[in-house]
PDB file of N, CA and C in Angstrom:
ATOM      1  N   MET A   1      -6.849   0.880  -0.259  1.00  0.00           N
ATOM      2  CA  MET A   1      -7.625   1.937  -1.361  1.00  0.00           C
ATOM      3  C   MET A   1      -6.594   2.038  -2.374  1.00  0.00           C
ATOM      4  N   LYS A   2      -7.584   2.028  -3.652  1.00  0.00           N
ATOM      5  CA  LYS A   2      -6.891   2.043  -4.856  1.00  0.00           C
ATOM      6  C   LYS A   2      -6.559   3.662  -5.134  1.00  0.00           C
ATOM      7  N   PRO A   3      -5.673   3.807  -5.810  1.00  0.00           N
ATOM      8  CA  PRO A   3      -5.626   5.307  -6.041  1.00  0.00           C
ATOM      9  C   PRO A   3      -6.685   6.167  -6.980  1.00  0.00           C
ATOM     10  N   PHE A   4      -7.037   5.190  -8.041  1.00  0.00           N
ATOM     11  CA  PHE A   4      -7.724   6.008  -8.877  1.00  0.00           C
ATOM     12  C   PHE A   4      -9.352   6.572  -8.047  1.00  0.00           C
ATOM     13  N   LEU A   5      -9.470   5.786  -6.881  1.00  0.00           N
ATOM     14  CA  LEU A   5     -10.688   6.294  -5.984  1.00  0.00           C
ATOM     15  C   LEU A   5     -10.501   8.214  -5.636  1.00  0.00           C
ATOM     16  N   LEU A   6      -9.352   8.429  -5.819  1.00  0.00           N
ATOM     17  CA  LEU A   6      -9.123   9.827  -5.627  1.00  0.00           C
ATOM     18  C   LEU A   6     -10.122  10.759  -6.563  1.00  0.00           C
ATOM     19  N   GLU A   7     -10.488  10.071  -7.726  1.00  0.00           N
ATOM     20  CA  GLU A   7     -11.551  10.910  -8.413  1.00  0.00           C
ATOM     21  C   GLU A   7     -12.923  10.684  -8.015  1.00  0.00           C
ATOM     22  N   LEU A   8     -13.106  10.095  -7.286  1.00  0.00           N
ATOM     23  CA  LEU A   8     -14.329   9.622  -6.820  1.00  0.00           C
ATOM     24  C   LEU A   8     -14.743  10.030  -5.408  1.00  0.00           C
ATOM     25  N   LEU A   9     -13.924  10.299  -4.626  1.00  0.00           N
ATOM     26  CA  LEU A   9     -13.930  10.628  -3.411  1.00  0.00           C
ATOM     27  C   LEU A   9     -14.034  12.140  -3.053  1.00  0.00           C
ATOM     28  N   LYS A  10     -14.839  12.775  -2.093  1.00  0.00           N
ATOM     29  CA  LYS A  10     -14.799  14.269  -1.681  1.00  0.00           C
ATOM     30  C   LYS A  10     -14.575  14.420  -0.170  1.00  0.00           C
ATOM     31  N   CYS A  11     -14.318  15.271   0.135  1.00  0.00           N
ATOM     32  CA  CYS A  11     -14.197  15.896   1.601  1.00  0.00           C
ATOM     33  C   CYS A  11     -15.782  16.059   2.038  1.00  0.00           C
ATOM     34  N   ASN A  12     -16.038  15.825   3.320  1.00  0.00           N
ATOM     35  CA  ASN A  12     -17.339  16.050   3.909  1.00  0.00           C
ATOM     36  C   ASN A  12     -17.617  17.481   3.924  1.00  0.00           C
ATOM     37  N   ASN A  13     -16.459  18.552   4.272  1.00  0.00           N
ATOM     38  CA  ASN A  13     -16.921  19.733   4.424  1.00  0.00           C
ATOM     39  C   ASN A  13     -17.011  20.654   3.301  1.00  0.00           C
ATOM     40  N   CYS A  14     -16.603  20.301   2.181  1.00  0.00           N
ATOM     41  CA  CYS A  14     -16.430  20.941   0.847  1.00  0.00           C
ATOM     42  C   CYS A  14     -17.194  20.270  -0.034  1.00  0.00           C
ATOM     43  N   THR A  15     -17.603  21.099  -1.153  1.00  0.00           N
ATOM     44  CA  THR A  15     -18.497  20.801  -2.106  1.00  0.00           C
ATOM     45  C   THR A  15     -17.460  20.403  -3.493  1.00  0.00           C
ATOM     46  N   ASN A  16     -15.940  20.678  -3.440  1.00  0.00           N
ATOM     47  CA  ASN A  16     -15.523  20.645  -4.403  1.00  0.00           C
ATOM     48  C   ASN A  16     -14.751  19.121  -4.644  1.00  0.00           C
ATOM     49  N   LEU A  17     -15.027  18.178  -5.737  1.00  0.00           N
ATOM     50  CA  LEU A  17     -14.619  16.852  -5.797  1.00  0.00           C
ATOM     51  C   LEU A  17     -13.087  16.928  -5.902  1.00  0.00           C
ATOM     52  N   THR A  18     -12.433  17.668  -6.363  1.00  0.00           N
ATOM     53  CA  THR A  18     -10.916  17.423  -6.383  1.00  0.00           C
ATOM     54  C   THR A  18     -10.079  17.978  -5.649  1.00  0.00           C
ATOM     55  N   ASN A  19     -10.466  18.133  -4.385  1.00  0.00           N
ATOM     56  CA  ASN A  19      -9.590  18.977  -3.531  1.00  0.00           C
ATOM     57  C   ASN A  19      -8.835  17.853  -2.650  1.00  0.00           C
ATOM     58  N   LEU A  20      -8.847  16.479  -2.542  1.00  0.00           N
ATOM     59  CA  LEU A  20      -8.053  15.754  -1.703  1.00  0.00           C
ATOM     60  C   LEU A  20      -6.805  15.383  -2.318  1.00  0.00           C
ATOM     61  N   SER A  21      -5.640  15.229  -1.481  1.00  0.00           N
ATOM     62  CA  SER A  21      -4.418  14.949  -1.631  1.00  0.00           C
ATOM     63  C   SER A  21      -4.407  13.486  -0.826  1.00  0.00           C
ATOM     64  N   LEU A  22      -3.312  12.652  -1.297  1.00  0.00           N
ATOM     65  CA  LEU A  22      -2.843  11.671  -0.718  1.00  0.00           C
ATOM     66  C   LEU A  22      -1.424  11.356  -0.202  1.00  0.00           C
ATOM     67  N   LYS A  23      -1.397  11.073   1.091  1.00  0.00           N
ATOM     68  CA  LYS A  23       0.170  11.090   1.857  1.00  0.00           C
ATOM     69  C   LYS A  23      -0.222   9.657   2.229  1.00  0.00           C
ATOM     70  N   ILE A  24       0.795   8.783   1.834  1.00  0.00           N
ATOM     71  CA  ILE A  24       1.045   7.299   1.946  1.00  0.00           C
ATOM     72  C   ILE A  24       1.971   7.156   3.119  1.00  0.00           C
ATOM     73  N   LYS A  25       1.472   6.282   3.910  1.00  0.00           N
ATOM     74  CA  LYS A  25       2.656   5.659   4.947  1.00  0.00           C
ATOM     75  C   LYS A  25       3.034   4.060   4.826  1.00  0.00           C
ATOM     76  N   LYS A  26       1.940   3.568   3.932  1.00  0.00           N
ATOM     77  CA  LYS A  26       2.319   1.886   3.851  1.00  0.00           C
ATOM     78  C   LYS A  26       1.342   1.760   2.422  1.00  0.00           C
ATOM     79  N   SER A  27       2.009   1.005   1.436  1.00  0.00           N
ATOM     80  CA  SER A  27       1.479   0.662   0.269  1.00  0.00           C
ATOM     81  C   SER A  27       2.079  -0.629  -0.156  1.00  0.00           C
ATOM     82  N   LYS A  28       1.225  -1.366  -0.992  1.00  0.00           N
ATOM     83  CA  LYS A  28       1.880  -2.441  -1.969  1.00  0.00           C
ATOM     84  C   LYS A  28       1.760  -2.653  -3.075  1.00  0.00           C
ATOM     85  N   LYS A  29       2.171  -3.192  -3.862  1.00  0.00           N
ATOM     86  CA  LYS A  29       2.065  -3.511  -5.055  1.00  0.00           C
ATOM     87  C   LYS A  29       1.248  -4.630  -5.182  1.00  0.00           C
ATOM     88  N   ILE A  30       0.288  -4.841  -6.256  1.00  0.00           N
ATOM     89  CA  ILE A  30      -0.788  -5.848  -6.346  1.00  0.00           C
ATOM     90  C   ILE A  30      -0.984  -6.178  -7.851  1.00  0.00           C
ATOM     91  N   GLU A  31      -1.311  -7.318  -7.847  1.00  0.00           N
ATOM     92  CA  GLU A  31      -1.664  -8.092  -9.403  1.00  0.00           C
ATOM     93  C   GLU A  31      -3.303  -7.632  -9.702  1.00  0.00           C
ATOM     94  N   TYR A  32      -3.457  -7.110 -10.841  1.00  0.00           N
ATOM     95  CA  TYR A  32      -5.102  -7.038 -11.233  1.00  0.00           C
ATOM     96  C   TYR A  32      -4.933  -7.393 -12.480  1.00  0.00           C
ATOM     97  N   ASP A  33      -6.218  -7.898 -13.051  1.00  0.00           N
ATOM     98  CA  ASP A  33      -6.785  -8.256 -14.328  1.00  0.00           C
ATOM     99  C   ASP A  33      -7.082  -7.029 -15.158  1.00  0.00           C
ATOM    100  N   LEU A  34      -6.157  -6.648 -15.841  1.00  0.00           N
ATOM    101  CA  LEU A  34      -5.905  -5.259 -16.583  1.00  0.00           C
ATOM    102  C   LEU A  34      -7.349  -5.121 -17.397  1.00  0.00           C
ATOM    103  N   ASP A  35      -7.980  -6.253 -18.018  1.00  0.00           N
ATOM    104  CA  ASP A  35      -9.391  -6.017 -18.860  1.00  0.00           C
ATOM    105  C   ASP A  35     -10.491  -5.837 -17.916  1.00  0.00           C
ATOM    106  N   LYS A  36     -10.254  -5.624 -16.797  1.00  0.00           N
ATOM    107  CA  LYS A  36     -11.458  -5.490 -15.719  1.00  0.00           C
ATOM    108  C   LYS A  36     -11.368  -3.941 -15.635  1.00  0.00           C
ATOM    109  N   LEU A  37     -10.557  -2.874 -15.964  1.00  0.00           N
ATOM    110  CA  LEU A  37     -10.688  -1.594 -15.563  1.00  0.00           C
ATOM    111  C   LEU A  37     -11.358  -0.789 -16.051  1.00  0.00           C
ATOM    112  N   PRO A  38     -11.697   0.503 -15.102  1.00  0.00           N
ATOM    113  CA  PRO A  38     -12.637   1.619 -15.626  1.00  0.00           C
ATOM    114  C   PRO A  38     -11.665   2.578 -16.527  1.00  0.00           C
ATOM    115  N   ARG A  39     -12.333   3.568 -16.659  1.00  0.00           N
ATOM    116  CA  ARG A  39     -11.875   4.869 -17.445  1.00  0.00           C
ATOM    117  C   ARG A  39     -10.393   5.207 -16.743  1.00  0.00           C
ATOM    118  N   ILE A  40      -9.680   6.049 -17.260  1.00  0.00           N
ATOM    119  CA  ILE A  40      -8.445   6.571 -17.032  1.00  0.00           C
ATOM    120  C   ILE A  40      -8.877   8.033 -16.473  1.00  0.00           C
ATOM    121  N   PRO A  41      -8.476   8.437 -14.993  1.00  0.00           N
ATOM    122  CA  PRO A  41      -8.731   9.826 -14.602  1.00  0.00           C
ATOM    123  C   PRO A  41      -7.799  10.821 -15.344  1.00  0.00           C
ATOM    124  N   SER A  42      -7.769  12.067 -14.733  1.00  0.00           N
ATOM    125  CA  SER A  42      -7.504  13.074 -15.353  1.00  0.00           C
ATOM    126  C   SER A  42      -5.925  13.091 -15.320  1.00  0.00           C
ATOM    127  N   LYS A  43      -5.240  13.778 -16.335  1.00  0.00           N
ATOM    128  CA  LYS A  43      -3.920  13.770 -16.325  1.00  0.00           C
ATOM    129  C   LYS A  43      -3.112  14.500 -15.013  1.00  0.00           C
ATOM    130  N   GLU A  44      -3.850  15.596 -14.498  1.00  0.00           N
ATOM    131  CA  GLU A  44      -3.657  16.302 -13.267  1.00  0.00           C
ATOM    132  C   GLU A  44      -3.418  15.231 -12.289  1.00  0.00           C
ATOM    133  N   LEU A  45      -4.559  14.443 -12.029  1.00  0.00           N
ATOM    134  CA  LEU A  45      -4.294  13.367 -11.112  1.00  0.00           C
ATOM    135  C   LEU A  45      -3.226  12.397 -11.175  1.00  0.00           C
ATOM    136  N   ILE A  46      -3.286  11.870 -12.282  1.00  0.00           N
ATOM    137  CA  ILE A  46      -2.135  11.017 -12.543  1.00  0.00           C
ATOM    138  C   ILE A  46      -0.856  11.408 -12.263  1.00  0.00           C
ATOM    139  N   ASN A  47      -0.579  13.053 -12.701  1.00  0.00           N
ATOM    140  CA  ASN A  47       0.766  13.309 -12.351  1.00  0.00           C
ATOM    141  C   ASN A  47       1.143  13.453 -10.647  1.00  0.00           C
ATOM    142  N   GLU A  48       0.159  13.677 -10.051  1.00  0.00           N
ATOM    143  CA  GLU A  48       0.204  13.689  -8.588  1.00  0.00           C
ATOM    144  C   GLU A  48       0.388  12.202  -8.017  1.00  0.00           C
ATOM    145  N   LEU A  49      -0.281  11.333  -8.537  1.00  0.00           N
ATOM    146  CA  LEU A  49      -0.140  10.036  -8.053  1.00  0.00           C
ATOM    147  C   LEU A  49       1.028   9.438  -8.418  1.00  0.00           C
ATOM    148  N   ASN A  50       1.591   9.917  -9.617  1.00  0.00           N
ATOM    149  CA  ASN A  50       2.719   9.568 -10.228  1.00  0.00           C
ATOM    150  C   ASN A  50       4.054   9.612  -8.786  1.00  0.00           C
ATOM    151  N   GLN A  51       3.888  10.937  -8.541  1.00  0.00           N
ATOM    152  CA  GLN A  51       4.986  11.449  -7.928  1.00  0.00           C
ATOM    153  C   GLN A  51       4.690  10.957  -6.473  1.00  0.00           C
ATOM    154  N   ILE A  52       3.593  10.600  -5.831  1.00  0.00           N
ATOM    155  CA  ILE A  52       3.440  10.149  -4.702  1.00  0.00           C
ATOM    156  C   ILE A  52       4.326   8.581  -4.566  1.00  0.00           C
ATOM    157  N   PHE A  53       3.758   7.734  -5.553  1.00  0.00           N
ATOM    158  CA  PHE A  53       4.137   6.607  -5.648  1.00  0.00           C
ATOM    159  C   PHE A  53       5.462   6.459  -5.873  1.00  0.00           C
ATOM    160  N   LYS A  54       6.079   7.190  -6.243  1.00  0.00           N
ATOM    161  CA  LYS A  54       7.820   7.393  -6.689  1.00  0.00           C
ATOM    162  C   LYS A  54       8.383   7.430  -5.191  1.00  0.00           C
ATOM    163  N   GLU A  55       7.789   8.561  -4.435  1.00  0.00           N
ATOM    164  CA  GLU A  55       8.341   8.697  -3.255  1.00  0.00           C
ATOM    165  C   GLU A  55       8.196   7.387  -2.193  1.00  0.00           C
ATOM    166  N   CYS A  56       7.360   6.684  -2.531  1.00  0.00           N
ATOM    167  CA  CYS A  56       7.117   5.725  -1.352  1.00  0.00           C
ATOM    168  C   CYS A  56       7.570   4.324  -2.031  1.00  0.00           C
ATOM    169  N   ASN A  57       8.377   4.349  -3.058  1.00  0.00           N
ATOM    170  CA  ASN A  57       8.860   3.158  -3.697  1.00  0.00           C
ATOM    171  C   ASN A  57       7.794   1.935  -4.418  1.00  0.00           C
ATOM    172  N   GLY A  58       6.670   2.819  -4.567  1.00  0.00           N
ATOM    173  CA  GLY A  58       5.729   1.838  -5.251  1.00  0.00           C
ATOM    174  C   GLY A  58       5.620   1.952  -6.818  1.00  0.00           C
ATOM    175  N   PHE A  59       4.924   1.533  -7.679  1.00  0.00           N
ATOM    176  CA  PHE A  59       4.869   1.466  -9.241  1.00  0.00           C
ATOM    177  C   PHE A  59       4.485   2.849  -9.706  1.00  0.00           C
ATOM    178  N   TYR A  60       5.502   3.288 -10.286  1.00  0.00           N
ATOM    179  CA  TYR A  60       5.163   4.726 -10.789  1.00  0.00           C
ATOM    180  C   TYR A  60       6.203   4.695 -12.262  1.00  0.00           C
ATOM    181  N   LEU A  61       5.639   5.725 -13.081  1.00  0.00           N
ATOM    182  CA  LEU A  61       5.951   6.030 -14.653  1.00  0.00           C
ATOM    183  C   LEU A  61       7.054   7.129 -14.616  1.00  0.00           C
ATOM    184  N   ASP A  62       8.229   6.700 -15.230  1.00  0.00           N
ATOM    185  CA  ASP A  62       9.225   7.508 -15.660  1.00  0.00           C
ATOM    186  C   ASP A  62       9.046   8.572 -16.483  1.00  0.00           C
ATOM    187  N   LYS A  63      10.009   9.699 -16.945  1.00  0.00           N
ATOM    188  CA  LYS A  63       9.185  10.765 -17.507  1.00  0.00           C
ATOM    189  C   LYS A  63       9.175  10.550 -19.043  1.00  0.00           C
ATOM    190  N   SER A  64       9.768   9.535 -19.495  1.00  0.00           N
ATOM    191  CA  SER A  64       9.474   8.940 -20.904  1.00  0.00           C
ATOM    192  C   SER A  64       8.128   8.530 -21.007  1.00  0.00           C
ATOM    193  N   ASP A  65       7.832   7.606 -19.679  1.00  0.00           N
ATOM    194  CA  ASP A  65       6.249   6.930 -19.751  1.00  0.00           C
ATOM    195  C   ASP A  65       5.281   8.168 -19.968  1.00  0.00           C
ATOM    196  N   MET A  66       5.522   8.881 -19.010  1.00  0.00           N
ATOM    197  CA  MET A  66       4.647  10.026 -18.779  1.00  0.00           C
ATOM    198  C   MET A  66       4.428  10.756 -20.039  1.00  0.00           C
ATOM    199  N   ASN A  67       5.376  11.205 -20.915  1.00  0.00           N
ATOM    200  CA  ASN A  67       5.299  12.057 -22.009  1.00  0.00           C
ATOM    201  C   ASN A  67       4.405  11.263 -23.195  1.00  0.00           C
ATOM    202  N   ASN A  68       4.556   9.767 -23.075  1.00  0.00           N
ATOM    203  CA  ASN A  68       3.819   8.970 -23.957  1.00  0.00           C
ATOM    204  C   ASN A  68       2.231   8.384 -23.540  1.00  0.00           C
ATOM    205  N   LEU A  69       1.797   8.820 -22.648  1.00  0.00           N
ATOM    206  CA  LEU A  69       0.739   8.182 -22.158  1.00  0.00           C
ATOM    207  C   LEU A  69      -0.691   8.303 -23.136  1.00  0.00           C
ATOM    208  N   SER A  70      -1.365   7.361 -23.437  1.00  0.00           N
ATOM    209  CA  SER A  70      -2.653   7.230 -23.929  1.00  0.00           C
ATOM    210  C   SER A  70      -3.561   6.447 -23.130  1.00  0.00           C
ATOM    211  N   GLU A  71      -4.727   6.819 -23.528  1.00  0.00           N
ATOM    212  CA  GLU A  71      -5.997   5.944 -22.288  1.00  0.00           C
ATOM    213  C   GLU A  71      -5.717   4.567 -22.513  1.00  0.00           C
ATOM    214  N   ASP A  72      -5.021   3.753 -23.335  1.00  0.00           N
ATOM    215  CA  ASP A  72      -5.034   2.245 -22.855  1.00  0.00           C
ATOM    216  C   ASP A  72      -3.665   1.955 -22.842  1.00  0.00           C
ATOM    217  N   ASN A  73      -2.684   2.881 -22.122  1.00  0.00           N
ATOM    218  CA  ASN A  73      -1.606   2.439 -21.711  1.00  0.00           C
ATOM    219  C   ASN A  73      -1.206   1.554 -20.606  1.00  0.00           C
ATOM    220  N   ALA A  74      -0.766   0.543 -20.555  1.00  0.00           N
ATOM    221  CA  ALA A  74      -0.703  -0.513 -19.651  1.00  0.00           C
ATOM    222  C   ALA A  74      -0.037  -0.039 -18.194  1.00  0.00           C
ATOM    223  N   LYS A  75       1.175   0.418 -18.571  1.00  0.00           N
ATOM    224  CA  LYS A  75       1.917   1.326 -17.447  1.00  0.00           C
ATOM    225  C   LYS A  75       0.862   2.373 -16.950  1.00  0.00           C
ATOM    226  N   LEU A  76       0.339   3.080 -17.432  1.00  0.00           N
ATOM    227  CA  LEU A  76      -0.685   3.854 -16.479  1.00  0.00           C
ATOM    228  C   LEU A  76      -1.662   3.137 -15.817  1.00  0.00           C
ATOM    229  N   ILE A  77      -2.174   2.168 -16.372  1.00  0.00           N
ATOM    230  CA  ILE A  77      -3.192   1.404 -15.761  1.00  0.00           C
ATOM    231  C   ILE A  77      -2.437   0.620 -14.234  1.00  0.00           C
ATOM    232  N   LYS A  78      -1.323   0.315 -14.601  1.00  0.00           N
ATOM    233  CA  LYS A  78      -0.409  -0.122 -13.358  1.00  0.00           C
ATOM    234  C   LYS A  78      -0.648   0.683 -12.169  1.00  0.00           C
ATOM    235  N   LEU A  79      -0.086   1.852 -12.547  1.00  0.00           N
ATOM    236  CA  LEU A  79       0.013   3.052 -11.406  1.00  0.00           C
ATOM    237  C   LEU A  79      -1.335   3.228 -10.809  1.00  0.00           C
ATOM    238  N   LEU A  80      -2.205   3.191 -11.589  1.00  0.00           N
ATOM    239  CA  LEU A  80      -3.488   3.576 -10.576  1.00  0.00           C
ATOM    240  C   LEU A  80      -4.436   2.243 -10.128  1.00  0.00           C
ATOM    241  N   PHE A  81      -3.959   1.097 -10.545  1.00  0.00           N
ATOM    242  CA  PHE A  81      -4.774   0.010 -10.235  1.00  0.00           C
ATOM    243  C   PHE A  81      -3.817  -1.158  -9.339  1.00  0.00           C
ATOM    244  N   CYS A  82      -2.513  -1.222  -9.920  1.00  0.00           N
ATOM    245  CA  CYS A  82      -1.822  -2.106  -9.241  1.00  0.00           C
ATOM    246  C   CYS A  82      -1.096  -1.559  -8.019  1.00  0.00           C
ATOM    247  N   ASN A  83      -1.413  -0.497  -7.414  1.00  0.00           N
ATOM    248  CA  ASN A  83      -0.877  -0.019  -5.985  1.00  0.00           C
ATOM    249  C   ASN A  83      -2.036   0.153  -5.271  1.00  0.00           C
ATOM    250  N   GLU A  84      -1.686  -0.614  -4.149  1.00  0.00           N
ATOM    251  CA  GLU A  84      -2.681  -0.449  -2.841  1.00  0.00           C
ATOM    252  C   GLU A  84      -2.328   0.413  -1.859  1.00  0.00           C
ATOM    253  N   VAL A  85      -3.334   1.463  -1.320  1.00  0.00           N
ATOM    254  CA  VAL A  85      -2.757   2.149  -0.357  1.00  0.00           C
ATOM    255  C   VAL A  85      -3.249   1.598   1.032  1.00  0.00           C
ATOM    256  N   ILE A  86      -2.169   0.970   2.151  1.00  0.00           N
ATOM    257  CA  ILE A  86      -2.750   0.465   3.156  1.00  0.00           C
ATOM    258  C   ILE A  86      -2.865   1.166   4.225  1.00  0.00           C
ATOM    259  N   GLU A  87      -2.096   2.206   4.650  1.00  0.00           N
ATOM    260  CA  GLU A  87      -2.052   3.217   5.418  1.00  0.00           C
ATOM    261  C   GLU A  87      -1.805   4.650   4.843  1.00  0.00           C
ATOM    262  N   GLY A  88      -2.532   5.827   5.233  1.00  0.00           N
ATOM    263  CA  GLY A  88      -2.098   7.025   4.856  1.00  0.00           C
ATOM    264  C   GLY A  88      -3.032   8.060   5.246  1.00  0.00           C
ATOM    265  N   GLU A  89      -3.430   9.001   4.815  1.00  0.00           N
ATOM    266  CA  GLU A  89      -4.246  10.284   4.821  1.00  0.00           C
ATOM    267  C   GLU A  89      -4.636  10.609   3.631  1.00  0.00           C
ATOM    268  N   LEU A  90      -5.855  11.172   3.683  1.00  0.00           N
ATOM    269  CA  LEU A  90      -6.367  11.950   2.636  1.00  0.00           C
ATOM    270  C   LEU A  90      -6.387  13.420   3.550  1.00  0.00           C
ATOM    271  N   HIS A  91      -5.979  14.467   2.664  1.00  0.00           N
ATOM    272  CA  HIS A  91      -6.077  15.697   2.934  1.00  0.00           C
ATOM    273  C   HIS A  91      -6.767  16.513   2.123  1.00  0.00           C
ATOM    274  N   CYS A  92      -7.886  17.613   2.607  1.00  0.00           N
ATOM    275  CA  CYS A  92      -8.467  18.369   1.795  1.00  0.00           C
ATOM    276  C   CYS A  92      -7.695  19.589   1.566  1.00  0.00           C
ATOM    277  N   LYS A  93      -7.398  20.219   0.109  1.00  0.00           N
ATOM    278  CA  LYS A  93      -6.794  21.315  -0.050  1.00  0.00           C
ATOM    279  C   LYS A  93      -7.418  22.484   0.006  1.00  0.00           C
ATOM    280  N   GLY A  94      -8.916  22.196   0.273  1.00  0.00           N
ATOM    281  CA  GLY A  94      -9.840  23.565   0.228  1.00  0.00           C
ATOM    282  C   GLY A  94     -10.029  23.883   1.988  1.00  0.00           C
ATOM    283  N   CYS A  95     -10.260  22.721   2.679  1.00  0.00           N
ATOM    284  CA  CYS A  95     -10.504  23.487   4.125  1.00  0.00           C
ATOM    285  C   CYS A  95      -9.397  22.800   5.261  1.00  0.00           C
ATOM    286  N   ASN A  96      -8.334  22.059   4.583  1.00  0.00           N
ATOM    287  CA  ASN A  96      -7.189  21.250   5.604  1.00  0.00           C
ATOM    288  C   ASN A  96      -7.876  20.224   6.272  1.00  0.00           C
ATOM    289  N   GLU A  97      -9.115  19.537   5.935  1.00  0.00           N
ATOM    290  CA  GLU A  97      -9.473  18.570   6.751  1.00  0.00           C
ATOM    291  C   GLU A  97      -8.434  17.388   6.499  1.00  0.00           C
ATOM    292  N   GLU A  98      -8.444  16.398   7.414  1.00  0.00           N
ATOM    293  CA  GLU A  98      -7.481  15.039   7.077  1.00  0.00           C
ATOM    294  C   GLU A  98      -8.414  13.819   7.562  1.00  0.00           C
ATOM    295  N   TYR A  99      -8.206  12.852   6.515  1.00  0.00           N
ATOM    296  CA  TYR A  99      -9.101  11.744   6.771  1.00  0.00           C
ATOM    297  C   TYR A  99      -8.202  10.453   6.797  1.00  0.00           C
ATOM    298  N   PHE A 100      -8.163   9.558   7.538  1.00  0.00           N
ATOM    299  CA  PHE A 100      -7.203   8.670   7.387  1.00  0.00           C
ATOM    300  C   PHE A 100      -7.726   7.472   6.861  1.00  0.00           C
ATOM    301  N   ILE A 101      -6.600   6.492   6.368  1.00  0.00           N
ATOM    302  CA  ILE A 101      -6.884   5.552   5.471  1.00  0.00           C
ATOM    303  C   ILE A 101      -6.094   4.108   6.611  1.00  0.00           C
ATOM    304  N   ASN A 102      -6.838   3.199   6.888  1.00  0.00           N
ATOM    305  CA  ASN A 102      -6.493   2.355   7.660  1.00  0.00           C
ATOM    306  C   ASN A 102      -6.995   0.768   7.018  1.00  0.00           C
ATOM    307  N   GLU A 103      -5.986  -0.019   7.041  1.00  0.00           N
ATOM    308  CA  GLU A 103      -6.269  -1.358   6.291  1.00  0.00           C
ATOM    309  C   GLU A 103      -6.900  -1.278   5.090  1.00  0.00           C
ATOM    310  N   GLY A 104      -6.276  -0.195   4.240  1.00  0.00           N
ATOM    311  CA  GLY A 104      -6.821   0.127   2.793  1.00  0.00           C
ATOM    312  C   GLY A 104      -7.950   0.927   2.832  1.00  0.00           C
ATOM    313  N   ILE A 105      -8.915   1.381   3.966  1.00  0.00           N
ATOM    314  CA  ILE A 105     -10.181   1.794   4.105  1.00  0.00           C
ATOM    315  C   ILE A 105      -9.983   3.339   4.434  1.00  0.00           C
ATOM    316  N   PRO A 106     -10.385   4.263   3.596  1.00  0.00           N
ATOM    317  CA  PRO A 106     -10.408   5.527   3.857  1.00  0.00           C
ATOM    318  C   PRO A 106     -11.851   5.767   4.466  1.00  0.00           C
ATOM    319  N   SER A 107     -11.349   6.613   6.187  1.00  0.00           N
ATOM    320  CA  SER A 107     -12.641   6.902   6.892  1.00  0.00           C
ATOM    321  C   SER A 107     -12.927   8.274   6.828  1.00  0.00           C
ATOM    322  N   PHE A 108     -14.211   8.566   6.704  1.00  0.00           N
ATOM    323  CA  PHE A 108     -14.633   9.834   6.583  1.00  0.00           C
ATOM    324  C   PHE A 108     -15.616  10.445   7.715  1.00  0.00           C
ATOM    325  N   VAL A 109     -15.388   9.538   8.898  1.00  0.00           N
ATOM    326  CA  VAL A 109     -16.487   9.631   9.737  1.00  0.00           C
ATOM    327  C   VAL A 109     -15.388  10.111  11.007  1.00  0.00           C
ATOM    328  N   LYS A 110     -15.800  11.191  11.675  1.00  0.00           N
ATOM    329  CA  LYS A 110     -14.950  12.019  12.509  1.00  0.00           C
ATOM    330  C   LYS A 110     -15.603  11.410  14.040  1.00  0.00           C
ATOM    331  N   ASN A 111     -14.472  11.325  15.185  1.00  0.00           N
ATOM    332  CA  ASN A 111     -14.619  10.945  16.092  1.00  0.00           C
ATOM    333  C   ASN A 111     -15.498  11.901  17.324  1.00  0.00           C
TER     334      ASN A 111
END
């Protein structure tokens, strides 16, 4: 799962689109054609993702990079699109529901 998807996914139990947080168990860095990327997500989501990938040794931005962000910043694009979440969880901050990510695919289906 690409980190930028957090801006698009929502909890099945909530109506708020911005309540999911990410916990990573396994990730990998990947190469990506930077010319084919969509828009840049909100700064709040960027800050949250940056901290998460820093903690799991993924590609992240240092304080200087974070202070100098612009919408065409290649380092920001790498944070959002050159990390792949292989295993982890999505947690809804609104209702505490958890959804698992396995082999890069988030599952919103409950057993």
